C-alpha atoms as a PDB file:
ATOM      1  CA  MET A   1       8.979   8.461   3.911  1.00  0.00           C
ATOM      2  CA  SER A   2       6.672  11.238   4.880  1.00  0.00           C
ATOM      3  CA  HIS A   3       3.258  11.319   6.459  1.00  0.00           C
ATOM      4  CA  ILE A   4       0.326  13.193   5.007  1.00  0.00           C
ATOM      5  CA  SER A   5      -3.106  13.426   6.555  1.00  0.00           C
ATOM      6  CA  ILE A   6      -5.998  13.910   4.193  1.00  0.00           C
ATOM      7  CA  ILE A   7      -9.201  15.348   5.590  1.00  0.00           C
ATOM      8  CA  LEU A   8     -12.215  14.490   3.522  1.00  0.00           C
ATOM      9  CA  ASN A   9     -14.776  17.220   2.908  1.00  0.00           C
ATOM     10  CA  VAL A  10     -17.505  17.972   5.375  1.00  0.00           C
ATOM     11  CA  SER A  11     -20.800  18.799   3.772  1.00  0.00           C
ATOM     12  CA  LYS A  12     -24.329  19.496   4.851  1.00  0.00           C
ATOM     13  CA  SER A  13     -27.252  17.907   3.074  1.00  0.00           C
ATOM     14  CA  ILE A  14     -30.520  19.679   2.256  1.00  0.00           C
ATOM     15  CA  SER A  15     -32.131  17.985   5.253  1.00  0.00           C
ATOM     16  CA  GLY A  16     -29.459  19.450   7.520  1.00  0.00           C
ATOM     17  CA  GLU A  17     -27.493  16.256   8.126  1.00  0.00           C
ATOM     18  CA  ILE A  18     -23.788  16.812   8.607  1.00  0.00           C
ATOM     19  CA  TYR A  19     -21.354  14.231   7.314  1.00  0.00           C
ATOM     20  CA  MET A  20     -18.442  13.214   9.520  1.00  0.00           C
ATOM     21  CA  ILE A  21     -14.920  14.487   9.022  1.00  0.00           C
ATOM     22  CA  THR A  22     -12.662  11.565   8.209  1.00  0.00           C
ATOM     23  CA  THR A  23      -8.888  11.718   8.414  1.00  0.00           C
ATOM     24  CA  LEU A  24      -6.938   9.284   6.291  1.00  0.00           C
ATOM     25  CA  PRO A  25      -3.303   8.855   7.375  1.00  0.00           C
ATOM     26  CA  LEU A  26      -1.293   8.435   4.195  1.00  0.00           C
ATOM     27  CA  LEU A  27       2.334   7.330   4.167  1.00  0.00           C
ATOM     28  CA  VAL A  28       4.357   8.205   1.077  1.00  0.00           C
ATOM     29  CA  VAL A  29       6.796   5.339   0.407  1.00  0.00           C
ATOM     30  CA  GLY A  30      10.096   6.182  -1.272  1.00  0.00           C
ATOM     31  CA  LYS A  31      12.414   4.188  -3.516  1.00  0.00           C
ATOM     32  CA  ALA A  32      14.625   2.689  -0.777  1.00  0.00           C
ATOM     33  CA  THR A  33      11.671   1.150   1.078  1.00  0.00           C
ATOM     34  CA  ILE A  34      10.053   0.032  -2.181  1.00  0.00           C
ATOM     35  CA  ASP A  35      13.293  -1.691  -3.226  1.00  0.00           C
ATOM     36  CA  LYS A  36      13.505  -3.501   0.133  1.00  0.00           C
ATOM     37  CA  ALA A  37       9.912  -4.676  -0.210  1.00  0.00           C
ATOM     38  CA  VAL A  38      10.392  -5.869  -3.808  1.00  0.00           C
ATOM     39  CA  SER A  39      13.454  -7.861  -2.702  1.00  0.00           C
ATOM     40  CA  LYS A  40      11.137  -9.830  -0.367  1.00  0.00           C
ATOM     41  CA  ILE A  41       8.707 -10.982  -3.059  1.00  0.00           C
ATOM     42  CA  ASP A  42       8.885 -13.613  -5.809  1.00  0.00           C
ATOM     43  CA  SER A  43       5.809 -12.872  -7.890  1.00  0.00           C
ATOM     44  CA  CYS A  44       2.422 -11.186  -8.159  1.00  0.00           C
ATOM     45  CA  ILE A  45      -1.133 -12.413  -8.647  1.00  0.00           C
ATOM     46  CA  LEU A  46      -0.814 -12.176 -12.451  1.00  0.00           C
ATOM     47  CA  CYS A  47       2.068 -14.628 -12.741  1.00  0.00           C
ATOM     48  CA  PHE A  48       1.321 -16.667  -9.599  1.00  0.00           C
ATOM     49  CA  PRO A  49      -2.455 -16.951  -9.027  1.00  0.00           C
ATOM     50  CA  GLN A  50      -1.931 -18.363  -5.517  1.00  0.00           C
ATOM     51  CA  ALA A  51      -0.311 -15.119  -4.289  1.00  0.00           C
ATOM     52  CA  GLU A  52      -1.768 -14.346  -0.886  1.00  0.00           C
ATOM     53  CA  TYR A  53      -0.338 -11.144   0.612  1.00  0.00           C
ATOM     54  CA  GLU A  54      -1.080  -7.541  -0.272  1.00  0.00           C
ATOM     55  CA  PHE A  55       1.994  -5.529  -1.179  1.00  0.00           C
ATOM     56  CA  SER A  56       1.084  -3.188   1.700  1.00  0.00           C
ATOM     57  CA  TYR A  57       1.663  -6.128   4.086  1.00  0.00           C
ATOM     58  CA  VAL A  58       5.191  -6.533   2.686  1.00  0.00           C
ATOM     59  CA  LEU A  59       5.753  -2.811   3.222  1.00  0.00           C
ATOM     60  CA  ASP A  60       4.649  -3.275   6.849  1.00  0.00           C
ATOM     61  CA  LEU A  61       7.203  -6.102   7.210  1.00  0.00           C
ATOM     62  CA  VAL A  62      10.170  -4.137   5.852  1.00  0.00           C
ATOM     63  CA  ARG A  63       9.197  -1.130   7.969  1.00  0.00           C
ATOM     64  CA  ASN A  64       8.768  -3.319  11.092  1.00  0.00           C
ATOM     65  CA  ALA A  65       5.434  -1.567  11.428  1.00  0.00           C
ATOM     66  CA  GLY A  66       3.230  -4.472  12.435  1.00  0.00           C
ATOM     67  CA  VAL A  67      -0.394  -3.956  11.576  1.00  0.00           C
ATOM     68  CA  ASN A  68      -1.179  -0.291  11.165  1.00  0.00           C
ATOM     69  CA  GLU A  69      -4.018   1.871   9.941  1.00  0.00           C
ATOM     70  CA  GLU A  70      -1.961   3.945   7.535  1.00  0.00           C
ATOM     71  CA  GLN A  71      -2.556   3.813   3.824  1.00  0.00           C
ATOM     72  CA  TYR A  72       0.463   3.703   1.565  1.00  0.00           C
ATOM     73  CA  PHE A  73       1.152   5.838  -1.481  1.00  0.00           C
ATOM     74  CA  LEU A  74       3.969   4.552  -3.686  1.00  0.00           C
ATOM     75  CA  ALA A  75       6.161   7.457  -4.814  1.00  0.00           C
ATOM     76  CA  ASP A  76       7.687   5.363  -7.627  1.00  0.00           C
ATOM     77  CA  PRO A  77       6.198   2.651  -9.837  1.00  0.00           C
ATOM     78  CA  VAL A  78       6.666  -0.908  -8.592  1.00  0.00           C
ATOM     79  CA  TYR A  79       7.040  -3.914 -10.881  1.00  0.00           C
ATOM     80  CA  CYS A  80       6.859  -7.642 -10.270  1.00  0.00           C
ATOM     81  CA  PRO A  81      10.336  -9.208 -10.297  1.00  0.00           C
ATOM     82  CA  ARG A  82       8.987 -12.213 -12.194  1.00  0.00           C
ATOM     83  CA  CYS A  83       6.638 -10.879 -14.897  1.00  0.00           C
ATOM     84  CA  SER A  84       7.235  -7.091 -14.759  1.00  0.00           C
ATOM     85  CA  SER A  85       3.534  -6.297 -14.216  1.00  0.00           C
ATOM     86  CA  GLN A  86       2.894  -3.145 -12.231  1.00  0.00           C
ATOM     87  CA  ILE A  87       2.238  -3.661  -8.532  1.00  0.00           C
ATOM     88  CA  LYS A  88      -0.001  -1.297  -6.577  1.00  0.00           C
ATOM     89  CA  GLU A  89      -0.438  -1.009  -2.816  1.00  0.00           C
ATOM     90  CA  HIS A  90      -3.120  -3.711  -2.655  1.00  0.00           C
ATOM     91  CA  THR A  91      -1.841  -6.043  -5.367  1.00  0.00           C
ATOM     92  CA  LEU A  92      -1.517  -9.603  -4.109  1.00  0.00           C
ATOM     93  CA  VAL A  93       2.074 -10.843  -4.100  1.00  0.00           C
ATOM     94  CA  GLN A  94       3.941 -13.965  -3.026  1.00  0.00           C
ATOM     95  CA  ILE A  95       6.643 -13.526  -0.408  1.00  0.00           C
ATOM     96  CA  SER A  96       9.925 -15.296  -1.204  1.00  0.00           C
ATOM     97  CA  ASP A  97      11.138 -18.169   0.978  1.00  0.00           C
ATOM     98  CA  SER A  98      14.629 -16.771   1.373  1.00  0.00           C
END
């Protein structure tokens, strides 16, 4: 995994107001971590409407990261192990019992 910081543009409006610089910490997640996270889930919101955790939460669990302020970027596509629908960073998933 690698970290990337994205700095959003700073611009000045006609009235002279300056917009704040915002830094967004972005963590690029590779295949090994994605595979670990997928092994922890049973299904996604499309095949199990009661799914309650964002995939990013599962990534936090497998990374032992706790709650963090980083945003994830998935380097490889992720698919639900049950229905094969694509999973994005904020897709709701169901964590397996085992």
